[in-house]
Amino acid sequence: MEQFDILVIGDRMEYIGKCAFRNFASLKSVVIGGTTMIGDKAFYECSSLEEITVNGKVILDSTKRRQFIAEEA
């Protein structure tokens, strides 16, 4: 599977499925347009993930990272 570091999801995507991007180790940033639902563990084990922005609002940054991607302490 191809890996990438930036993911941009447009306004037409309404739902991101469970484990959709699980273990995308190189993924650093996600920008989501009109998505209304994000499935469980959609970004689980994305070890490089630094920021997620949904509809212009940052929902993940360095202070929320561990909680969001379920990284072990």
N, C-alpha and C. Protein backbone atom coordinates (compact mmCIF):
# COMPACT_ATOMS: atom_id res chain seq x y z
N MET A 1 0.84 -1.18 0.00
CA MET A 1 0.00 0.00 0.00
C MET A 1 0.89 1.24 0.00
N GLU A 2 0.55 2.21 -0.83
CA GLU A 2 1.31 3.45 -0.90
C GLU A 2 1.12 4.28 0.36
N GLN A 3 2.20 4.87 0.84
CA GLN A 3 2.16 5.74 2.02
C GLN A 3 2.38 7.18 1.57
N PHE A 4 1.83 8.14 2.30
CA PHE A 4 1.99 9.55 1.99
C PHE A 4 2.00 10.33 3.29
N ASP A 5 2.44 11.60 3.25
CA ASP A 5 2.55 12.35 4.50
C ASP A 5 1.45 13.38 4.73
N ILE A 6 0.73 13.78 3.69
CA ILE A 6 -0.38 14.72 3.84
C ILE A 6 -1.61 14.13 3.17
N LEU A 7 -2.73 14.18 3.87
CA LEU A 7 -4.00 13.67 3.35
C LEU A 7 -5.02 14.80 3.39
N VAL A 8 -5.61 15.10 2.24
CA VAL A 8 -6.66 16.12 2.16
C VAL A 8 -7.93 15.42 1.68
N ILE A 9 -8.97 15.51 2.50
CA ILE A 9 -10.26 14.89 2.18
C ILE A 9 -11.26 16.01 1.94
N GLY A 10 -11.85 16.04 0.77
CA GLY A 10 -12.74 17.12 0.36
C GLY A 10 -14.09 17.14 1.03
N ASP A 11 -14.90 18.09 0.62
CA ASP A 11 -16.22 18.34 1.21
C ASP A 11 -17.24 17.24 0.94
N ARG A 12 -17.03 16.42 -0.05
CA ARG A 12 -18.02 15.41 -0.41
C ARG A 12 -17.93 14.13 0.42
N MET A 13 -16.85 13.94 1.14
CA MET A 13 -16.68 12.75 1.96
C MET A 13 -17.46 12.94 3.26
N GLU A 14 -18.48 12.14 3.49
CA GLU A 14 -19.31 12.28 4.67
C GLU A 14 -18.87 11.39 5.83
N TYR A 15 -18.18 10.29 5.51
CA TYR A 15 -17.82 9.34 6.56
C TYR A 15 -16.45 8.72 6.27
N ILE A 16 -15.61 8.67 7.27
CA ILE A 16 -14.33 7.97 7.18
C ILE A 16 -14.49 6.69 7.99
N GLY A 17 -14.31 5.56 7.37
CA GLY A 17 -14.59 4.28 7.99
C GLY A 17 -13.62 3.86 9.08
N LYS A 18 -14.05 2.88 9.84
CA LYS A 18 -13.26 2.30 10.92
C LYS A 18 -11.92 1.80 10.37
N CYS A 19 -10.84 2.21 11.03
CA CYS A 19 -9.47 1.81 10.68
C CYS A 19 -9.07 2.18 9.25
N ALA A 20 -9.71 3.18 8.67
CA ALA A 20 -9.49 3.54 7.26
C ALA A 20 -8.03 3.84 6.93
N PHE A 21 -7.32 4.50 7.80
CA PHE A 21 -5.94 4.85 7.54
C PHE A 21 -5.02 4.26 8.62
N ARG A 22 -5.42 3.18 9.19
CA ARG A 22 -4.66 2.53 10.26
C ARG A 22 -3.24 2.20 9.80
N ASN A 23 -2.30 2.52 10.65
CA ASN A 23 -0.90 2.17 10.46
C ASN A 23 -0.26 2.86 9.25
N PHE A 24 -0.73 4.04 8.87
CA PHE A 24 -0.07 4.83 7.84
C PHE A 24 1.06 5.58 8.53
N ALA A 25 2.19 4.93 8.67
CA ALA A 25 3.31 5.42 9.47
C ALA A 25 3.86 6.76 9.00
N SER A 26 3.79 7.07 7.73
CA SER A 26 4.36 8.32 7.22
C SER A 26 3.39 9.51 7.28
N LEU A 27 2.13 9.27 7.61
CA LEU A 27 1.11 10.32 7.61
C LEU A 27 1.37 11.34 8.72
N LYS A 28 1.55 12.62 8.34
CA LYS A 28 1.85 13.67 9.31
C LYS A 28 0.70 14.65 9.52
N SER A 29 -0.08 14.89 8.48
CA SER A 29 -1.11 15.92 8.55
C SER A 29 -2.35 15.48 7.77
N VAL A 30 -3.52 15.73 8.37
CA VAL A 30 -4.79 15.40 7.72
C VAL A 30 -5.66 16.65 7.74
N VAL A 31 -6.21 17.00 6.58
CA VAL A 31 -7.16 18.11 6.46
C VAL A 31 -8.45 17.52 5.92
N ILE A 32 -9.53 17.68 6.69
CA ILE A 32 -10.82 17.08 6.35
C ILE A 32 -11.83 18.20 6.14
N GLY A 33 -12.53 18.16 5.00
CA GLY A 33 -13.51 19.19 4.67
C GLY A 33 -14.84 18.98 5.36
N GLY A 34 -15.81 18.39 4.67
CA GLY A 34 -17.16 18.29 5.17
C GLY A 34 -17.52 17.00 5.88
N THR A 35 -16.55 16.21 6.26
CA THR A 35 -16.83 14.93 6.90
C THR A 35 -17.61 15.13 8.19
N THR A 36 -18.67 14.34 8.36
CA THR A 36 -19.48 14.46 9.56
C THR A 36 -19.21 13.36 10.58
N MET A 37 -18.61 12.25 10.14
CA MET A 37 -18.31 11.15 11.06
C MET A 37 -16.95 10.56 10.75
N ILE A 38 -16.21 10.25 11.82
CA ILE A 38 -14.93 9.58 11.69
C ILE A 38 -15.03 8.28 12.48
N GLY A 39 -14.85 7.15 11.80
CA GLY A 39 -14.98 5.85 12.44
C GLY A 39 -13.90 5.58 13.48
N ASP A 40 -14.17 4.62 14.35
CA ASP A 40 -13.24 4.21 15.39
C ASP A 40 -11.88 3.87 14.80
N LYS A 41 -10.86 4.34 15.46
CA LYS A 41 -9.48 4.03 15.10
C LYS A 41 -9.13 4.35 13.64
N ALA A 42 -9.79 5.35 13.07
CA ALA A 42 -9.54 5.71 11.67
C ALA A 42 -8.07 6.05 11.42
N PHE A 43 -7.40 6.59 12.44
CA PHE A 43 -5.99 6.96 12.30
C PHE A 43 -5.13 6.24 13.34
N TYR A 44 -5.58 5.09 13.77
CA TYR A 44 -4.89 4.29 14.78
C TYR A 44 -3.50 3.88 14.30
N GLU A 45 -2.53 4.01 15.17
CA GLU A 45 -1.14 3.63 14.89
C GLU A 45 -0.50 4.43 13.76
N CYS A 46 -0.96 5.65 13.56
CA CYS A 46 -0.30 6.56 12.62
C CYS A 46 0.77 7.31 13.42
N SER A 47 1.91 6.69 13.55
CA SER A 47 2.94 7.13 14.48
C SER A 47 3.54 8.51 14.19
N SER A 48 3.44 9.01 12.97
CA SER A 48 3.99 10.33 12.63
C SER A 48 2.95 11.44 12.63
N LEU A 49 1.69 11.10 12.88
CA LEU A 49 0.60 12.07 12.79
C LEU A 49 0.77 13.19 13.80
N GLU A 50 0.79 14.43 13.31
CA GLU A 50 1.00 15.61 14.14
C GLU A 50 -0.23 16.50 14.24
N GLU A 51 -1.05 16.53 13.17
CA GLU A 51 -2.18 17.46 13.18
C GLU A 51 -3.32 16.95 12.31
N ILE A 52 -4.55 17.13 12.84
CA ILE A 52 -5.77 16.86 12.07
C ILE A 52 -6.63 18.11 12.16
N THR A 53 -7.06 18.58 11.00
CA THR A 53 -7.94 19.74 10.93
C THR A 53 -9.24 19.30 10.27
N VAL A 54 -10.38 19.58 10.94
CA VAL A 54 -11.69 19.25 10.41
C VAL A 54 -12.50 20.53 10.28
N ASN A 55 -12.99 20.78 9.07
CA ASN A 55 -13.79 21.98 8.79
C ASN A 55 -13.12 23.25 9.32
N GLY A 56 -11.80 23.35 9.15
CA GLY A 56 -11.06 24.54 9.54
C GLY A 56 -10.65 24.61 11.00
N LYS A 57 -11.02 23.63 11.81
CA LYS A 57 -10.69 23.63 13.24
C LYS A 57 -9.71 22.50 13.54
N VAL A 58 -8.62 22.83 14.21
CA VAL A 58 -7.64 21.83 14.58
C VAL A 58 -8.21 20.98 15.71
N ILE A 59 -8.35 19.67 15.46
CA ILE A 59 -8.88 18.78 16.50
C ILE A 59 -7.79 17.90 17.08
N LEU A 60 -6.63 17.91 16.45
CA LEU A 60 -5.51 17.14 16.97
C LEU A 60 -4.25 17.97 16.84
N ASP A 61 -3.53 18.10 17.91
CA ASP A 61 -2.22 18.72 17.90
C ASP A 61 -1.35 17.92 18.86
N SER A 62 -0.20 18.40 19.18
CA SER A 62 0.72 17.62 20.01
C SER A 62 0.17 17.30 21.39
N THR A 63 -0.73 18.12 21.94
CA THR A 63 -1.27 17.85 23.27
C THR A 63 -2.36 16.79 23.27
N LYS A 64 -3.03 16.58 22.14
CA LYS A 64 -4.11 15.60 22.05
C LYS A 64 -3.71 14.35 21.29
N ARG A 65 -2.50 14.31 20.78
CA ARG A 65 -2.04 13.25 19.88
C ARG A 65 -2.17 11.85 20.47
N ARG A 66 -1.66 11.64 21.66
CA ARG A 66 -1.66 10.30 22.25
C ARG A 66 -3.08 9.75 22.39
N GLN A 67 -3.98 10.56 22.85
CA GLN A 67 -5.36 10.16 23.04
C GLN A 67 -6.02 9.77 21.71
N PHE A 68 -5.76 10.52 20.67
CA PHE A 68 -6.45 10.33 19.41
C PHE A 68 -6.00 9.09 18.64
N ILE A 69 -4.68 8.81 18.67
CA ILE A 69 -4.21 7.67 17.89
C ILE A 69 -3.97 6.44 18.73
N ALA A 70 -4.34 6.50 20.01
CA ALA A 70 -4.25 5.36 20.93
C ALA A 70 -2.83 4.82 21.03
N GLU A 71 -1.90 5.72 21.11
CA GLU A 71 -0.49 5.35 21.24
C GLU A 71 -0.22 4.87 22.66
N GLU A 72 0.58 3.85 22.79
CA GLU A 72 0.92 3.32 24.10
C GLU A 72 1.79 4.34 24.85
N ALA A 73 1.63 4.39 26.15
CA ALA A 73 2.43 5.30 26.99
C ALA A 73 3.84 4.79 27.15
